[in-house]
N, C-alpha and C. Protein backbone atom coordinates (compact mmCIF):
# COMPACT_ATOMS: atom_id res chain seq x y z
N MET A 1 117.41 82.12 83.62
CA MET A 1 116.87 83.17 84.37
C MET A 1 116.87 82.20 85.68
N SER A 2 117.36 82.93 86.91
CA SER A 2 117.33 82.08 88.05
C SER A 2 115.73 82.28 88.42
N LYS A 3 115.43 80.88 89.01
CA LYS A 3 114.02 80.87 89.58
C LYS A 3 113.64 82.06 90.75
N ASN A 4 114.91 82.42 91.48
CA ASN A 4 114.62 83.21 92.41
C ASN A 4 114.90 85.05 91.88
N SER A 5 114.78 84.94 90.66
CA SER A 5 114.61 86.64 90.23
C SER A 5 113.91 87.37 90.47
N VAL A 6 113.91 88.47 90.53
CA VAL A 6 113.03 89.28 91.07
C VAL A 6 112.02 89.78 89.71
N ASN A 7 111.02 89.78 89.89
CA ASN A 7 109.97 90.08 88.89
C ASN A 7 109.56 91.69 88.99
N ILE A 8 109.92 92.35 88.04
CA ILE A 8 109.81 94.01 88.28
C ILE A 8 108.88 94.21 87.08
N LEU A 9 107.71 94.79 87.48
CA LEU A 9 106.75 95.55 86.46
C LEU A 9 106.60 97.03 86.98
N ALA A 10 106.61 97.87 85.43
CA ALA A 10 106.89 99.41 85.44
C ALA A 10 105.42 99.83 84.96
N ILE A 11 104.82 100.53 85.42
CA ILE A 11 103.71 101.26 85.06
C ILE A 11 103.55 102.80 84.63
N VAL A 12 103.81 102.89 83.12
CA VAL A 12 104.10 104.08 82.79
C VAL A 12 102.94 104.88 82.82
N GLY A 13 102.82 106.37 83.54
CA GLY A 13 101.72 107.08 83.20
C GLY A 13 101.89 108.18 82.27
N SER A 14 102.92 108.16 81.02
CA SER A 14 102.99 109.46 80.61
C SER A 14 102.32 109.26 79.20
N TYR A 15 102.07 110.51 78.64
CA TYR A 15 101.58 110.16 77.25
C TYR A 15 102.52 110.06 76.18
N ARG A 16 103.86 110.44 76.43
CA ARG A 16 104.67 110.02 75.54
C ARG A 16 105.55 108.74 75.45
N LYS A 17 105.56 108.10 74.51
CA LYS A 17 106.56 106.86 74.50
C LYS A 17 107.89 107.54 73.84
N GLY A 18 108.87 107.09 74.80
CA GLY A 18 110.38 107.59 74.60
C GLY A 18 110.58 108.75 75.25
N GLY A 19 109.70 109.52 75.94
CA GLY A 19 109.97 110.54 76.59
C GLY A 19 110.75 110.41 77.72
N SER A 20 110.95 111.55 78.60
CA SER A 20 111.80 111.49 79.98
C SER A 20 111.50 110.31 80.73
N ILE A 21 110.28 110.28 81.11
CA ILE A 21 109.89 109.21 82.25
C ILE A 21 109.69 107.88 81.52
N ASP A 22 109.54 107.69 80.39
CA ASP A 22 109.75 106.42 79.47
C ASP A 22 111.07 105.79 79.50
N SER A 23 112.06 106.65 79.12
CA SER A 23 113.50 106.70 79.24
C SER A 23 114.21 106.43 80.20
N ALA A 24 113.60 107.20 81.63
CA ALA A 24 114.21 106.88 82.86
C ALA A 24 113.71 105.66 83.28
N ILE A 25 112.58 104.93 83.18
CA ILE A 25 112.24 103.64 83.58
C ILE A 25 112.88 102.52 82.48
N ASP A 26 113.32 102.87 81.04
CA ASP A 26 114.17 101.84 80.57
C ASP A 26 115.35 101.67 81.07
N GLN A 27 115.94 102.97 81.74
CA GLN A 27 117.26 102.71 82.46
C GLN A 27 117.25 102.12 83.53
N ILE A 28 115.94 102.02 84.10
CA ILE A 28 116.02 101.12 85.58
C ILE A 28 115.71 99.96 85.03
N LEU A 29 114.59 99.40 84.16
CA LEU A 29 114.72 98.40 83.73
C LEU A 29 115.79 97.38 83.26
N SER A 30 116.54 98.12 82.45
CA SER A 30 117.75 97.70 81.51
C SER A 30 118.73 97.38 82.63
N SER A 31 118.96 98.01 83.63
CA SER A 31 120.11 97.91 84.66
C SER A 31 119.33 96.65 85.69
N ALA A 32 118.21 96.51 85.89
CA ALA A 32 117.59 95.68 86.88
C ALA A 32 117.87 94.42 86.16
N LYS A 33 117.33 94.49 84.61
CA LYS A 33 117.59 93.12 83.92
C LYS A 33 119.20 92.56 83.95
N ALA A 34 119.93 93.41 83.81
CA ALA A 34 121.37 93.12 83.65
C ALA A 34 121.80 92.36 84.69
N ALA A 35 121.06 92.78 86.19
CA ALA A 35 121.65 92.47 87.44
C ALA A 35 120.88 91.00 87.81
N GLY A 36 119.95 90.39 86.48
CA GLY A 36 119.24 89.26 86.89
C GLY A 36 117.83 89.25 86.86
N ALA A 37 117.30 90.39 86.99
CA ALA A 37 115.75 90.34 87.17
C ALA A 37 115.01 90.15 85.84
N GLU A 38 113.67 89.68 86.28
CA GLU A 38 112.74 89.77 85.09
C GLU A 38 112.06 91.09 85.20
N THR A 39 111.82 91.71 84.05
CA THR A 39 111.05 93.05 83.86
C THR A 39 109.98 92.90 82.58
N SER A 40 109.26 94.10 83.13
CA SER A 40 108.00 94.05 82.12
C SER A 40 107.55 95.61 82.34
N LYS A 41 106.71 96.07 81.23
CA LYS A 41 106.43 97.47 81.32
C LYS A 41 104.95 97.40 80.98
N ILE A 42 104.16 98.23 81.37
CA ILE A 42 102.98 98.58 80.85
C ILE A 42 102.40 100.20 80.63
N TYR A 43 102.30 100.59 79.46
CA TYR A 43 101.73 101.73 79.21
C TYR A 43 100.58 102.22 79.44
N LEU A 44 99.69 102.90 80.42
CA LEU A 44 98.61 103.16 80.36
C LEU A 44 97.82 103.71 79.34
N ILE A 45 98.63 104.36 78.78
CA ILE A 45 97.84 104.95 77.49
C ILE A 45 97.29 103.85 76.49
N ASP A 46 97.98 102.54 76.87
CA ASP A 46 97.50 101.46 75.66
C ASP A 46 96.32 100.75 76.23
N LYS A 47 96.10 101.32 77.77
CA LYS A 47 94.99 100.47 78.06
C LYS A 47 93.68 101.31 78.14
N HIS A 48 92.64 100.45 78.05
CA HIS A 48 91.20 100.96 78.21
C HIS A 48 90.75 100.88 79.73
N LEU A 49 91.05 101.98 80.67
CA LEU A 49 90.76 102.09 81.97
C LEU A 49 89.57 102.86 82.49
N SER A 50 88.39 102.83 82.52
CA SER A 50 87.14 103.61 82.78
C SER A 50 87.45 104.15 84.11
N PHE A 51 87.04 105.23 83.92
CA PHE A 51 86.67 106.22 85.39
C PHE A 51 86.05 105.24 86.62
N CYS A 52 86.76 105.48 87.41
CA CYS A 52 86.07 104.55 89.02
C CYS A 52 84.75 105.68 88.91
N THR A 53 83.58 104.98 89.24
CA THR A 53 82.22 105.79 89.60
C THR A 53 81.97 105.90 90.92
N ASN A 54 82.95 105.35 91.60
CA ASN A 54 82.59 105.16 93.27
C ASN A 54 81.81 104.49 93.79
N CYS A 55 81.17 103.68 93.25
CA CYS A 55 80.15 102.85 93.70
C CYS A 55 80.60 101.92 95.18
N ARG A 56 81.59 101.71 94.93
CA ARG A 56 82.72 101.07 96.14
C ARG A 56 82.21 99.47 96.36
N SER A 57 81.46 99.10 94.92
CA SER A 57 81.28 97.42 94.95
C SER A 57 82.16 96.68 95.39
N CYS A 58 83.56 97.15 94.79
CA CYS A 58 84.72 96.53 94.96
C CYS A 58 85.39 96.28 96.22
N THR A 59 84.89 97.46 96.98
CA THR A 59 85.28 97.35 98.35
C THR A 59 84.83 96.57 99.46
N GLN A 60 83.55 95.99 99.16
CA GLN A 60 82.77 95.30 99.95
C GLN A 60 83.22 93.89 100.28
N GLN A 61 83.97 93.12 99.25
CA GLN A 61 84.08 91.80 99.34
C GLN A 61 85.32 91.59 100.10
N ALA A 62 85.10 90.92 101.50
CA ALA A 62 86.37 90.53 102.06
C ALA A 62 87.55 89.89 101.75
N GLY A 63 88.50 89.96 102.34
CA GLY A 63 89.75 88.70 101.82
C GLY A 63 91.17 89.40 101.37
N PRO A 64 91.84 88.79 101.38
CA PRO A 64 93.01 89.25 100.70
C PRO A 64 93.41 89.87 99.23
N GLN A 65 92.13 89.01 98.55
CA GLN A 65 92.29 89.41 97.25
C GLN A 65 91.74 90.48 96.63
N TYR A 66 92.02 91.58 95.63
CA TYR A 66 91.62 92.73 95.21
C TYR A 66 90.34 92.54 95.04
N GLY A 67 89.47 93.41 95.11
CA GLY A 67 87.89 93.40 95.26
C GLY A 67 87.49 93.68 93.80
N ALA A 68 86.37 92.77 93.15
CA ALA A 68 86.16 92.70 91.76
C ALA A 68 85.32 94.16 91.41
N CYS A 69 85.82 94.84 90.22
CA CYS A 69 85.10 95.67 89.68
C CYS A 69 83.89 95.42 88.89
N VAL A 70 82.89 96.12 88.96
CA VAL A 70 81.67 96.12 87.94
C VAL A 70 81.96 96.41 86.78
N LEU A 71 83.21 97.47 86.39
CA LEU A 71 83.45 97.82 85.29
C LEU A 71 84.32 96.65 84.38
N ASP A 72 84.14 96.37 83.15
CA ASP A 72 84.50 95.57 82.51
C ASP A 72 85.63 96.35 81.39
N ASP A 73 86.85 96.30 81.53
CA ASP A 73 87.82 96.69 81.11
C ASP A 73 89.12 96.12 81.39
N ASP A 74 90.14 96.90 80.87
CA ASP A 74 91.80 96.37 81.18
C ASP A 74 92.22 96.27 82.59
N MET A 75 91.51 96.82 83.71
CA MET A 75 91.94 97.18 84.94
C MET A 75 92.28 95.46 85.45
N THR A 76 91.36 94.72 85.08
CA THR A 76 91.49 93.27 85.72
C THR A 76 92.84 92.80 85.13
N GLY A 77 93.22 92.97 83.83
CA GLY A 77 94.50 92.07 83.67
C GLY A 77 95.54 92.83 84.00
N VAL A 78 95.71 94.12 84.29
CA VAL A 78 96.45 95.20 84.87
C VAL A 78 96.72 94.76 86.56
N LEU A 79 95.57 94.36 86.91
CA LEU A 79 96.05 94.06 88.37
C LEU A 79 96.58 92.77 88.33
N ARG A 80 96.46 91.51 87.47
CA ARG A 80 96.69 90.26 87.77
C ARG A 80 98.44 90.61 87.43
N GLU A 81 98.71 91.36 86.51
CA GLU A 81 100.34 91.73 86.16
C GLU A 81 100.83 92.19 87.73
N LEU A 82 100.02 93.00 88.24
CA LEU A 82 100.92 93.83 89.42
C LEU A 82 100.68 92.67 90.81
N GLU A 83 99.98 91.66 90.81
CA GLU A 83 99.81 90.50 91.81
C GLU A 83 101.16 89.57 91.57
N ARG A 84 101.41 89.45 90.16
CA ARG A 84 102.48 88.77 89.89
C ARG A 84 103.76 89.35 90.27
N ALA A 85 104.11 90.42 90.24
CA ALA A 85 105.36 91.11 90.32
C ALA A 85 105.87 91.39 91.77
N ASP A 86 106.95 91.19 92.13
CA ASP A 86 107.65 91.49 93.32
C ASP A 86 108.05 92.64 93.72
N ALA A 87 108.27 93.83 92.43
CA ALA A 87 108.65 94.83 92.49
C ALA A 87 108.07 95.69 91.68
N LEU A 88 107.84 97.25 91.86
CA LEU A 88 107.24 97.85 91.05
C LEU A 88 108.16 99.16 90.73
N VAL A 89 107.63 99.83 89.18
CA VAL A 89 108.17 101.12 88.99
C VAL A 89 107.25 101.90 88.70
N LEU A 90 106.92 102.91 89.05
CA LEU A 90 105.50 103.90 88.64
C LEU A 90 106.07 104.74 88.45
N GLY A 91 105.73 105.47 87.03
CA GLY A 91 106.25 106.87 86.61
C GLY A 91 105.20 107.68 86.26
N SER A 92 105.12 109.13 86.37
CA SER A 92 104.35 110.08 85.69
C SER A 92 104.91 111.29 86.02
N PRO A 93 104.82 111.97 84.24
CA PRO A 93 105.28 113.52 84.44
C PRO A 93 104.17 114.53 85.22
N MET A 94 104.49 115.46 85.47
CA MET A 94 103.85 116.59 86.21
C MET A 94 103.13 117.00 85.31
N ASN A 95 101.55 117.22 85.34
CA ASN A 95 100.79 117.65 84.57
C ASN A 95 99.76 118.67 85.61
N ALA A 96 99.79 120.01 85.53
CA ALA A 96 98.84 121.02 86.31
C ALA A 96 99.04 120.57 87.79
N GLY A 97 100.34 120.54 88.42
CA GLY A 97 100.45 119.99 89.67
C GLY A 97 100.43 118.65 90.10
N THR A 98 100.25 117.72 89.37
CA THR A 98 100.23 116.60 89.73
C THR A 98 100.24 115.37 88.82
N VAL A 99 99.85 114.39 88.90
CA VAL A 99 100.14 113.03 88.04
C VAL A 99 99.51 113.32 86.79
N THR A 100 99.48 112.48 85.59
CA THR A 100 98.51 112.64 84.49
C THR A 100 97.30 112.23 84.76
N ALA A 101 96.51 112.52 83.77
CA ALA A 101 95.21 112.10 83.72
C ALA A 101 94.71 110.64 83.92
N VAL A 102 95.92 109.76 83.27
CA VAL A 102 95.71 108.36 82.98
C VAL A 102 96.24 107.60 84.19
N MET A 103 97.07 108.46 84.92
CA MET A 103 97.90 107.84 86.20
C MET A 103 96.57 108.02 87.28
N LYS A 104 96.00 109.32 86.98
CA LYS A 104 94.95 109.39 88.57
C LYS A 104 93.98 108.26 88.12
N VAL A 105 93.40 108.15 87.08
CA VAL A 105 92.60 107.20 86.95
C VAL A 105 92.87 105.98 87.28
N PHE A 106 94.00 105.37 87.31
CA PHE A 106 94.69 104.19 87.38
C PHE A 106 94.61 104.12 89.10
N ILE A 107 95.30 105.11 89.93
CA ILE A 107 95.16 105.08 91.18
C ILE A 107 94.14 105.20 91.65
N GLU A 108 92.90 106.06 91.09
CA GLU A 108 91.44 105.85 91.63
C GLU A 108 91.14 104.44 91.60
N ARG A 109 91.20 103.38 90.65
CA ARG A 109 90.63 102.20 90.43
C ARG A 109 91.60 101.37 91.31
N LEU A 110 92.46 101.82 92.23
CA LEU A 110 93.07 100.62 93.07
C LEU A 110 92.30 100.87 94.18
N VAL A 111 91.21 101.48 94.58
CA VAL A 111 90.42 101.47 95.80
C VAL A 111 89.92 99.78 95.97
N CYS A 112 89.98 98.96 95.05
CA CYS A 112 89.76 97.96 94.91
C CYS A 112 90.66 97.16 95.87
N THR A 113 91.85 97.73 96.38
CA THR A 113 92.75 97.23 96.98
C THR A 113 92.48 97.26 98.66
N ALA A 114 91.14 98.03 98.68
CA ALA A 114 90.91 98.32 100.14
C ALA A 114 89.52 97.44 100.56
N TYR A 115 89.59 97.12 101.73
CA TYR A 115 88.43 96.65 102.26
C TYR A 115 87.57 97.72 103.01
N TRP A 116 86.24 98.12 102.75
CA TRP A 116 85.50 99.20 103.19
C TRP A 116 83.82 99.02 103.24
N PRO A 117 83.63 98.18 104.14
CA PRO A 117 82.06 97.90 104.09
C PRO A 117 81.22 99.07 104.46
N TRP A 118 80.04 99.19 103.98
CA TRP A 118 79.24 100.06 104.40
C TRP A 118 79.07 100.19 105.78
N GLY A 119 79.13 101.40 106.35
CA GLY A 119 79.42 101.43 107.91
C GLY A 119 80.35 101.86 108.43
N ALA A 120 81.45 101.25 107.97
CA ALA A 120 82.89 101.66 108.20
C ALA A 120 83.23 102.86 108.62
N LEU A 121 83.84 103.52 108.87
CA LEU A 121 84.44 105.06 109.15
C LEU A 121 85.30 105.18 108.09
N SER A 122 86.29 103.87 107.81
CA SER A 122 87.41 104.19 106.85
C SER A 122 87.81 103.12 106.37
N PRO A 123 88.60 103.16 105.03
CA PRO A 123 88.98 101.71 104.29
C PRO A 123 90.31 100.94 105.31
N LYS A 124 90.40 99.93 105.02
CA LYS A 124 91.59 99.02 105.35
C LYS A 124 92.47 98.35 104.38
N TYR A 125 93.34 98.33 104.18
CA TYR A 125 94.39 97.72 103.61
C TYR A 125 94.17 96.28 103.20
N ARG A 126 93.80 95.37 102.13
CA ARG A 126 93.78 94.19 102.61
C ARG A 126 94.87 93.53 102.80
N ASN A 127 95.97 93.96 102.33
CA ASN A 127 97.24 93.61 102.65
C ASN A 127 98.23 94.59 103.22
N PRO A 128 98.16 94.94 104.32
CA PRO A 128 98.85 96.20 104.88
C PRO A 128 100.40 95.76 104.95
N GLU A 129 100.83 94.44 104.76
CA GLU A 129 102.41 94.50 105.00
C GLU A 129 102.83 94.75 103.70
N LYS A 130 103.87 95.63 103.65
CA LYS A 130 104.48 96.00 102.27
C LYS A 130 105.88 95.06 102.01
N LYS A 131 105.27 94.15 101.50
CA LYS A 131 106.01 93.10 101.11
C LYS A 131 106.91 93.31 99.88
N LYS A 132 106.21 94.13 98.95
CA LYS A 132 106.87 94.68 97.75
C LYS A 132 107.79 95.86 97.70
N GLN A 133 108.46 95.96 96.77
CA GLN A 133 109.61 97.20 96.81
C GLN A 133 109.10 97.84 95.47
N ALA A 134 108.99 99.29 95.68
CA ALA A 134 108.72 100.12 94.53
C ALA A 134 109.87 101.40 94.43
N VAL A 135 109.93 101.92 93.01
CA VAL A 135 110.98 102.81 92.66
C VAL A 135 109.77 103.95 92.08
N LEU A 136 110.08 105.03 92.42
CA LEU A 136 109.14 106.27 92.11
C LEU A 136 109.96 107.17 90.96
N VAL A 137 109.02 107.30 89.95
CA VAL A 137 110.13 108.44 89.15
C VAL A 137 108.99 109.16 88.41
N ALA A 138 109.30 110.71 88.43
CA ALA A 138 108.56 111.60 88.23
C ALA A 138 109.46 112.90 87.34
N SER A 139 108.92 113.64 86.54
CA SER A 139 109.37 114.95 85.87
C SER A 139 108.40 115.72 85.66
N SER A 140 109.25 116.93 85.36
CA SER A 140 108.42 118.60 85.66
C SER A 140 109.30 119.19 84.91
N ALA A 141 108.80 120.26 84.12
CA ALA A 141 109.24 121.42 83.36
C ALA A 141 109.93 122.29 84.31
N ALA A 142 109.67 122.20 85.26
CA ALA A 142 110.25 123.23 86.43
C ALA A 142 111.52 122.28 87.04
N PRO A 143 112.63 123.12 87.71
CA PRO A 143 113.31 122.52 88.61
C PRO A 143 112.86 121.30 89.62
N ALA A 144 113.97 120.39 89.76
CA ALA A 144 113.14 118.86 90.68
C ALA A 144 112.95 119.69 91.97
N PHE A 145 113.64 120.24 92.56
CA PHE A 145 113.81 120.69 93.78
C PHE A 145 112.09 121.73 94.15
N MET A 146 111.74 122.41 92.83
CA MET A 146 110.76 123.06 92.98
C MET A 146 109.42 122.56 92.55
N ALA A 147 109.72 121.81 91.85
CA ALA A 147 108.39 120.78 91.58
C ALA A 147 108.04 120.05 92.56
N ASN A 148 109.04 119.27 93.47
CA ASN A 148 108.27 118.38 94.55
C ASN A 148 107.92 119.25 95.64
N PHE A 149 108.40 120.61 95.50
CA PHE A 149 107.68 121.49 96.66
C PHE A 149 106.49 121.86 96.30
N THR A 150 106.30 122.14 94.97
CA THR A 150 104.95 122.97 94.50
C THR A 150 103.83 121.86 94.02
N GLY A 151 104.43 120.30 93.78
CA GLY A 151 103.24 119.64 93.47
C GLY A 151 103.28 118.40 94.01
N ASP A 152 102.30 117.67 93.81
CA ASP A 152 102.19 116.35 94.58
C ASP A 152 102.19 114.89 93.79
N VAL A 153 103.30 114.83 92.98
CA VAL A 153 103.15 113.63 92.00
C VAL A 153 103.83 112.62 92.57
N MET A 154 105.07 112.98 93.72
CA MET A 154 105.66 112.09 94.42
C MET A 154 104.65 111.31 95.45
N GLY A 155 103.85 112.36 95.84
CA GLY A 155 102.93 111.87 96.93
C GLY A 155 101.89 111.23 96.57
N ARG A 156 101.46 111.38 95.27
CA ARG A 156 100.59 110.28 94.60
C ARG A 156 100.82 109.02 94.26
N LEU A 157 102.17 108.91 93.52
CA LEU A 157 102.79 107.54 93.34
C LEU A 157 103.24 106.83 94.46
N LYS A 158 103.51 107.46 95.74
CA LYS A 158 103.75 106.94 97.04
C LYS A 158 102.59 106.19 97.34
N THR A 159 101.40 106.99 97.49
CA THR A 159 100.41 106.32 97.88
C THR A 159 99.93 105.13 96.95
N ALA A 160 100.09 105.22 95.59
CA ALA A 160 99.63 104.02 94.62
C ALA A 160 100.52 102.70 95.17
N ALA A 161 101.82 103.12 95.51
CA ALA A 161 102.53 101.96 95.53
C ALA A 161 102.31 101.58 97.02
N SER A 162 102.09 102.21 97.92
CA SER A 162 101.21 101.73 99.19
C SER A 162 99.89 100.65 99.09
N MET A 163 99.20 101.39 98.34
CA MET A 163 98.27 100.62 98.03
C MET A 163 98.18 99.31 97.44
N LEU A 164 99.32 99.24 96.77
CA LEU A 164 99.71 97.90 96.16
C LEU A 164 100.70 97.14 96.80
N GLY A 165 100.81 97.44 98.28
CA GLY A 165 101.41 96.71 98.87
C GLY A 165 102.85 96.70 98.98
N ALA A 166 103.38 98.04 98.55
CA ALA A 166 104.75 98.23 98.22
C ALA A 166 105.26 99.45 98.90
N ARG A 167 106.63 99.43 99.37
CA ARG A 167 107.27 100.72 100.12
C ARG A 167 108.34 101.03 99.03
N SER A 168 108.41 102.33 98.95
CA SER A 168 109.36 103.09 98.15
C SER A 168 110.58 102.85 98.95
N ILE A 169 111.71 102.27 97.64
CA ILE A 169 113.02 102.21 98.28
C ILE A 169 114.00 103.30 97.41
N GLY A 170 113.51 104.14 96.77
CA GLY A 170 114.21 105.11 96.14
C GLY A 170 113.37 105.81 95.03
N THR A 171 113.53 107.15 94.82
CA THR A 171 113.00 107.93 93.65
C THR A 171 114.03 108.49 92.71
N LEU A 172 113.05 109.31 91.53
CA LEU A 172 114.28 109.92 90.76
C LEU A 172 113.04 110.98 90.32
N TYR A 173 113.88 112.25 90.30
CA TYR A 173 112.63 113.23 90.07
C TYR A 173 113.36 113.86 88.85
N ILE A 174 113.18 114.06 87.76
CA ILE A 174 113.85 114.66 86.48
C ILE A 174 113.17 115.82 86.47
N GLY A 175 113.95 117.00 86.73
CA GLY A 175 113.80 118.71 86.49
C GLY A 175 113.93 119.12 85.28
N LEU A 176 113.46 120.08 84.88
CA LEU A 176 113.82 120.96 83.85
C LEU A 176 113.90 119.74 82.23
N ALA A 177 112.57 119.07 82.47
CA ALA A 177 112.42 118.22 81.71
C ALA A 177 111.72 118.42 80.09
N ALA A 178 111.48 119.93 79.95
CA ALA A 178 110.59 120.27 78.59
C ALA A 178 111.67 121.75 78.14
N LYS A 179 112.86 121.41 78.37
CA LYS A 179 113.42 122.43 77.46
C LYS A 179 113.90 122.18 76.20
N GLN A 180 113.77 120.77 75.78
CA GLN A 180 113.47 120.87 74.34
C GLN A 180 112.46 119.55 73.78
N GLN A 181 111.93 119.48 73.01
CA GLN A 181 110.87 118.45 72.43
C GLN A 181 111.19 117.05 72.77
N HIS A 182 112.90 116.80 72.13
CA HIS A 182 113.09 115.57 72.60
C HIS A 182 114.33 115.64 73.14
N GLN A 183 114.01 115.76 74.44
CA GLN A 183 115.30 115.74 75.64
C GLN A 183 115.85 114.56 76.03
N GLU A 184 117.18 114.49 75.83
CA GLU A 184 117.86 113.21 76.47
C GLU A 184 117.93 113.41 78.04
N LEU A 185 118.03 112.44 78.62
CA LEU A 185 117.99 112.18 80.25
C LEU A 185 119.70 112.38 80.45
N SER A 186 119.87 113.42 81.45
CA SER A 186 121.01 113.66 81.88
C SER A 186 121.94 112.63 82.25
N ARG A 187 123.38 112.86 82.33
CA ARG A 187 124.11 111.87 82.87
C ARG A 187 123.99 111.33 84.39
N ARG A 188 123.70 112.53 85.05
CA ARG A 188 123.47 112.32 86.31
C ARG A 188 121.78 111.31 86.64
N ALA A 189 120.80 111.97 85.74
CA ALA A 189 119.73 110.93 85.88
C ALA A 189 119.89 109.23 85.29
N ARG A 190 120.56 109.08 84.48
CA ARG A 190 121.01 108.00 83.78
C ARG A 190 121.61 107.03 85.03
N LYS A 191 122.54 107.69 85.63
CA LYS A 191 123.38 106.93 86.60
C LYS A 191 122.42 106.35 87.84
N LYS A 192 121.44 107.44 88.49
CA LYS A 192 120.72 107.38 89.27
C LYS A 192 119.64 106.27 89.18
N ALA A 193 119.17 106.10 87.71
CA ALA A 193 118.42 105.41 87.21
C ALA A 193 118.74 103.79 87.58
N GLN A 194 120.24 103.83 86.71
CA GLN A 194 120.84 102.42 86.67
C GLN A 194 121.06 101.90 88.18
N ILE A 195 121.48 102.72 89.02
CA ILE A 195 121.43 102.43 90.79
C ILE A 195 120.38 101.82 90.95
N LEU A 196 119.01 102.73 91.09
CA LEU A 196 117.87 102.09 91.60
C LEU A 196 117.37 100.85 91.01
N GLY A 197 117.75 100.77 89.31
CA GLY A 197 117.54 99.06 89.16
C GLY A 197 117.98 98.36 89.80
N LYS A 198 119.53 98.48 89.59
CA LYS A 198 120.08 97.51 90.79
C LYS A 198 119.71 96.74 92.11
N LYS A 199 119.24 98.14 92.87
CA LYS A 199 118.66 98.04 94.15
C LYS A 199 117.40 97.25 93.94
N LEU A 200 116.57 97.33 92.98
CA LEU A 200 115.46 96.59 93.03
C LEU A 200 115.62 95.06 92.76
N ALA A 201 116.56 94.99 91.71
CA ALA A 201 117.02 93.52 91.28
C ALA A 201 117.69 92.54 92.58
N ALA A 202 118.24 93.41 93.61
CA ALA A 202 118.64 92.91 94.57
C ALA A 202 117.91 92.44 95.51
N GLY A 203 116.91 92.94 95.37
CA GLY A 203 115.52 93.18 96.85
C GLY A 203 116.23 93.68 97.53
N GLN A 204 116.50 94.99 97.52
CA GLN A 204 117.05 95.50 98.76
C GLN A 204 116.06 96.67 99.06
């Protein structure tokens, strides 16, 4: 593996391993790995992530590093992996019009990426430059164009990517994802996933 290979980390916010989101992310990572990238994946359902209590303790610490949370759980390790990554894949199915609860908890815990001392009117990103790249993956039982119009999954994932210092270079929205209990990805979705994986590996 080249020393200059891109390190890609996927954050999976699905409740089902092997489902549409997981399969699409596997296609992206497999394509990226074939193009020379290093890849890894974190299932949020396998992590103990406590609810953010909005104490804002983590936002009071100045500096470019993520603020330390008072909660003792797996988020510290997840953030450590995120810091090491050059590129990200963030994925979640649509539940009740938005991301899953586990993805929402993860995104709320990303408040540590902001500096927001008491008295300041608004938070500031610790690392405002978007040096990382991200691909965003979503799925819905509704057709993709309708789900993208009526829900906010992609918007939430884009916000998460931005908080982590990444800019989106591509999206994959899988529509009609609940027609069967064990539904395979369409040829079109697989092809787009492979293209996005190569794009991440190339750092484009």
